[in-house]
């Protein structure tokens, strides 16, 4: 009887510690700077990409600004998936591009930073309906935006962050 009780307690502890580890991993994935919910909305004018991007914040306004930041960051670090008549767009930098240039990107993405000059909201005002979701700790807001991909790439090349396309391998 003691052996059975011991094995039941041991099994319970193993399962509960595995679940705690799983929650930590999910939280780390959610908090990752490379975790963007982005969808291609189609082809924009020359050099622009039309996307729908999500942002999170305690207030809806904060989530909206986070979505703009996420749109530019997704273009730089992750790329845009294809869809709605648009081909997939590769990322401008590799995954470790942020770590190599952390000081530059911290300044670039600060509040009111340079990143705002490369993204335009295509929706007027605060989104509503399914594009504005009240969550436990704030809001999840979707933004339809136009990202000036060509100008962003040119800017990063001029600053020495991204390699020029004609630089070779």
Protein backbone atom coordinates (compact mmCIF):
# COMPACT_ATOMS: atom_id res chain seq x y z
CA UNK A 1 0.00 0.00 0.00
CA UNK A 2 2.84 2.39 0.85
CA UNK A 3 4.52 1.67 -2.49
CA UNK A 4 1.32 2.39 -4.42
CA UNK A 5 0.78 5.67 -2.58
CA UNK A 6 4.42 6.63 -3.18
CA UNK A 7 4.12 6.01 -6.95
CA UNK A 8 0.86 7.97 -7.16
CA UNK A 9 2.45 10.97 -5.43
CA UNK A 10 5.55 10.67 -7.63
CA UNK A 11 3.41 10.56 -10.80
CA UNK A 12 1.41 13.60 -9.64
CA UNK A 13 4.58 15.61 -9.01
CA UNK A 14 6.00 14.68 -12.42
CA UNK A 15 2.82 15.74 -14.23
CA UNK A 16 2.47 19.02 -12.32
CA UNK A 17 6.11 20.02 -12.91
CA UNK A 18 5.78 19.22 -16.63
CA UNK A 19 2.67 21.42 -16.82
CA UNK A 20 4.49 24.29 -15.08
CA UNK A 21 7.36 23.98 -17.56
CA UNK A 22 4.88 23.99 -20.44
CA UNK A 23 3.28 27.22 -19.15
CA UNK A 24 6.71 28.87 -18.89
CA UNK A 25 7.51 27.89 -22.47
CA UNK A 26 4.17 29.23 -23.74
CA UNK A 27 4.71 32.51 -21.88
CA UNK A 28 8.22 32.81 -23.35
CA UNK A 29 6.84 32.22 -26.84
CA UNK A 30 4.09 34.80 -26.31
CA UNK A 31 6.54 37.38 -24.95
CA UNK A 32 9.02 36.81 -27.78
CA UNK A 33 9.85 39.87 -29.86
CA UNK A 34 9.44 37.70 -32.97
CA UNK A 35 5.85 36.69 -32.21
CA UNK A 36 3.67 38.75 -34.55
CA UNK A 37 0.15 38.08 -35.74
CA UNK A 38 0.34 39.38 -39.29
CA UNK A 39 -1.69 38.78 -42.42
CA UNK A 40 -1.11 40.02 -45.95
CA UNK A 41 -3.97 42.13 -47.29
CA UNK A 42 -2.63 42.29 -50.81
CA UNK A 43 -0.34 44.31 -53.00
CA UNK A 44 0.09 48.02 -52.31
CA UNK A 45 1.50 50.76 -54.48
CA UNK A 46 5.10 50.37 -55.63
CA UNK A 47 7.31 49.57 -52.68
CA UNK A 48 4.55 49.18 -50.08
CA UNK A 49 3.08 46.13 -48.38
CA UNK A 50 -0.50 46.06 -47.09
CA UNK A 51 -0.88 44.07 -43.89
CA UNK A 52 -3.24 43.44 -41.02
CA UNK A 53 -1.29 43.31 -37.76
CA UNK A 54 -2.29 42.85 -34.12
CA UNK A 55 -1.05 44.72 -31.08
CA UNK A 56 -1.61 44.30 -27.35
CA UNK A 57 -1.87 46.95 -24.64
CA UNK A 58 -3.55 47.86 -21.37
CA UNK A 59 -5.47 50.56 -23.25
CA UNK A 60 -6.76 50.33 -26.82
CA UNK A 61 -4.61 53.33 -27.86
CA UNK A 62 -1.48 51.61 -26.57
CA UNK A 63 -2.40 48.46 -28.49
CA UNK A 64 -2.81 50.52 -31.66
CA UNK A 65 0.70 51.97 -31.37
CA UNK A 66 2.04 48.50 -30.55
CA UNK A 67 0.43 47.23 -33.77
CA UNK A 68 2.24 49.90 -35.81
CA UNK A 69 5.52 48.94 -34.18
CA UNK A 70 4.79 45.26 -34.80
CA UNK A 71 4.09 45.92 -38.49
CA UNK A 72 7.53 47.44 -39.04
CA UNK A 73 9.26 44.86 -36.82
CA UNK A 74 7.58 41.98 -38.65
CA UNK A 75 8.77 43.30 -42.01
CA UNK A 76 12.33 43.65 -40.71
CA UNK A 77 12.74 40.47 -38.66
CA UNK A 78 10.15 37.95 -39.87
CA UNK A 79 8.84 38.85 -43.30
CA UNK A 80 5.25 38.87 -44.53
CA UNK A 81 3.39 35.71 -45.51
CA UNK A 82 1.80 35.58 -48.93
CA UNK A 83 -1.92 35.92 -49.48
CA UNK A 84 -4.64 37.92 -51.20
CA UNK A 85 -2.69 38.10 -54.44
CA UNK A 86 0.63 39.04 -52.82
CA UNK A 87 3.73 36.86 -52.85
CA UNK A 88 5.55 36.21 -49.57
CA UNK A 89 8.03 38.91 -48.63
CA UNK A 90 11.28 37.78 -46.99
CA UNK A 91 12.59 39.43 -43.84
CA UNK A 92 15.10 42.25 -44.32
CA UNK A 93 17.38 40.92 -41.55
CA UNK A 94 18.11 37.50 -40.14
CA UNK A 95 16.71 36.43 -36.78
CA UNK A 96 19.81 37.58 -34.89
CA UNK A 97 19.68 41.04 -36.53
CA UNK A 98 18.17 42.62 -33.43
CA UNK A 99 20.83 41.30 -31.07
CA UNK A 100 23.64 42.48 -33.35
CA UNK A 101 22.17 46.00 -33.56
CA UNK A 102 20.29 46.29 -30.26
CA UNK A 103 21.25 49.92 -29.58
CA UNK A 104 20.10 51.03 -33.04
CA UNK A 105 16.76 49.20 -32.81
CA UNK A 106 16.07 50.34 -29.24
CA UNK A 107 16.33 53.93 -30.49
CA UNK A 108 14.49 53.14 -33.76
CA UNK A 109 11.49 51.58 -31.96
CA UNK A 110 11.25 53.99 -28.99
CA UNK A 111 7.99 55.89 -28.51
CA UNK A 112 7.68 58.36 -31.36
CA UNK A 113 10.72 56.79 -33.02
CA UNK A 114 11.80 56.64 -36.63
CA UNK A 115 9.77 53.48 -37.29
CA UNK A 116 6.60 55.60 -37.52
CA UNK A 117 7.80 57.16 -40.77
CA UNK A 118 7.58 53.77 -42.51
CA UNK A 119 4.03 52.75 -41.52
CA UNK A 120 0.70 54.33 -42.38
CA UNK A 121 -2.60 53.29 -40.87
CA UNK A 122 -5.22 52.57 -43.51
CA UNK A 123 -8.04 52.65 -40.98
CA UNK A 124 -9.31 55.94 -39.59
CA UNK A 125 -9.79 56.07 -35.84
CA UNK A 126 -9.96 53.19 -33.42
CA UNK A 127 -10.90 49.82 -34.94
CA UNK A 128 -14.07 48.23 -33.65
CA UNK A 129 -15.89 44.91 -33.78
CA UNK A 130 -13.67 41.86 -34.19
CA UNK A 131 -10.61 44.11 -34.68
CA UNK A 132 -10.83 45.36 -31.09
CA UNK A 133 -11.01 42.65 -28.45
CA UNK A 134 -11.21 43.30 -24.71
CA UNK A 135 -9.00 40.79 -22.89
CA UNK A 136 -8.28 40.05 -19.24
CA UNK A 137 -5.37 42.49 -18.96
CA UNK A 138 -6.14 44.97 -21.70
CA UNK A 139 -6.92 45.05 -25.41
CA UNK A 140 -5.98 43.21 -28.58
CA UNK A 141 -6.34 45.53 -31.56
CA UNK A 142 -5.97 44.79 -35.28
CA UNK A 143 -4.67 47.48 -37.60
CA UNK A 144 -4.74 47.57 -41.37
CA UNK A 145 -1.52 49.27 -42.37
CA UNK A 146 0.69 50.07 -45.30
CA UNK A 147 4.42 49.53 -44.67
CA UNK A 148 6.82 51.32 -47.01
CA UNK A 149 9.06 48.29 -47.52
CA UNK A 150 11.42 49.79 -50.11
CA UNK A 151 12.11 52.97 -48.11
CA UNK A 152 12.59 50.95 -44.92
CA UNK A 153 15.10 48.65 -46.62
CA UNK A 154 16.94 51.64 -48.12
CA UNK A 155 17.09 53.34 -44.71
CA UNK A 156 18.51 50.22 -43.02
CA UNK A 157 21.07 49.83 -45.82
CA UNK A 158 22.18 53.48 -45.45
CA UNK A 159 22.62 52.97 -41.70
CA UNK A 160 24.72 49.85 -42.33
CA UNK A 161 22.24 47.55 -40.62
CA UNK A 162 21.10 45.57 -43.68
CA UNK A 163 23.22 44.39 -46.58
CA UNK A 164 22.47 45.87 -49.97
CA UNK A 165 20.74 43.48 -52.35
CA UNK A 166 23.52 43.87 -54.92
CA UNK A 167 26.28 43.23 -52.34
CA UNK A 168 26.43 39.49 -53.11
CA UNK A 169 26.83 36.75 -50.59
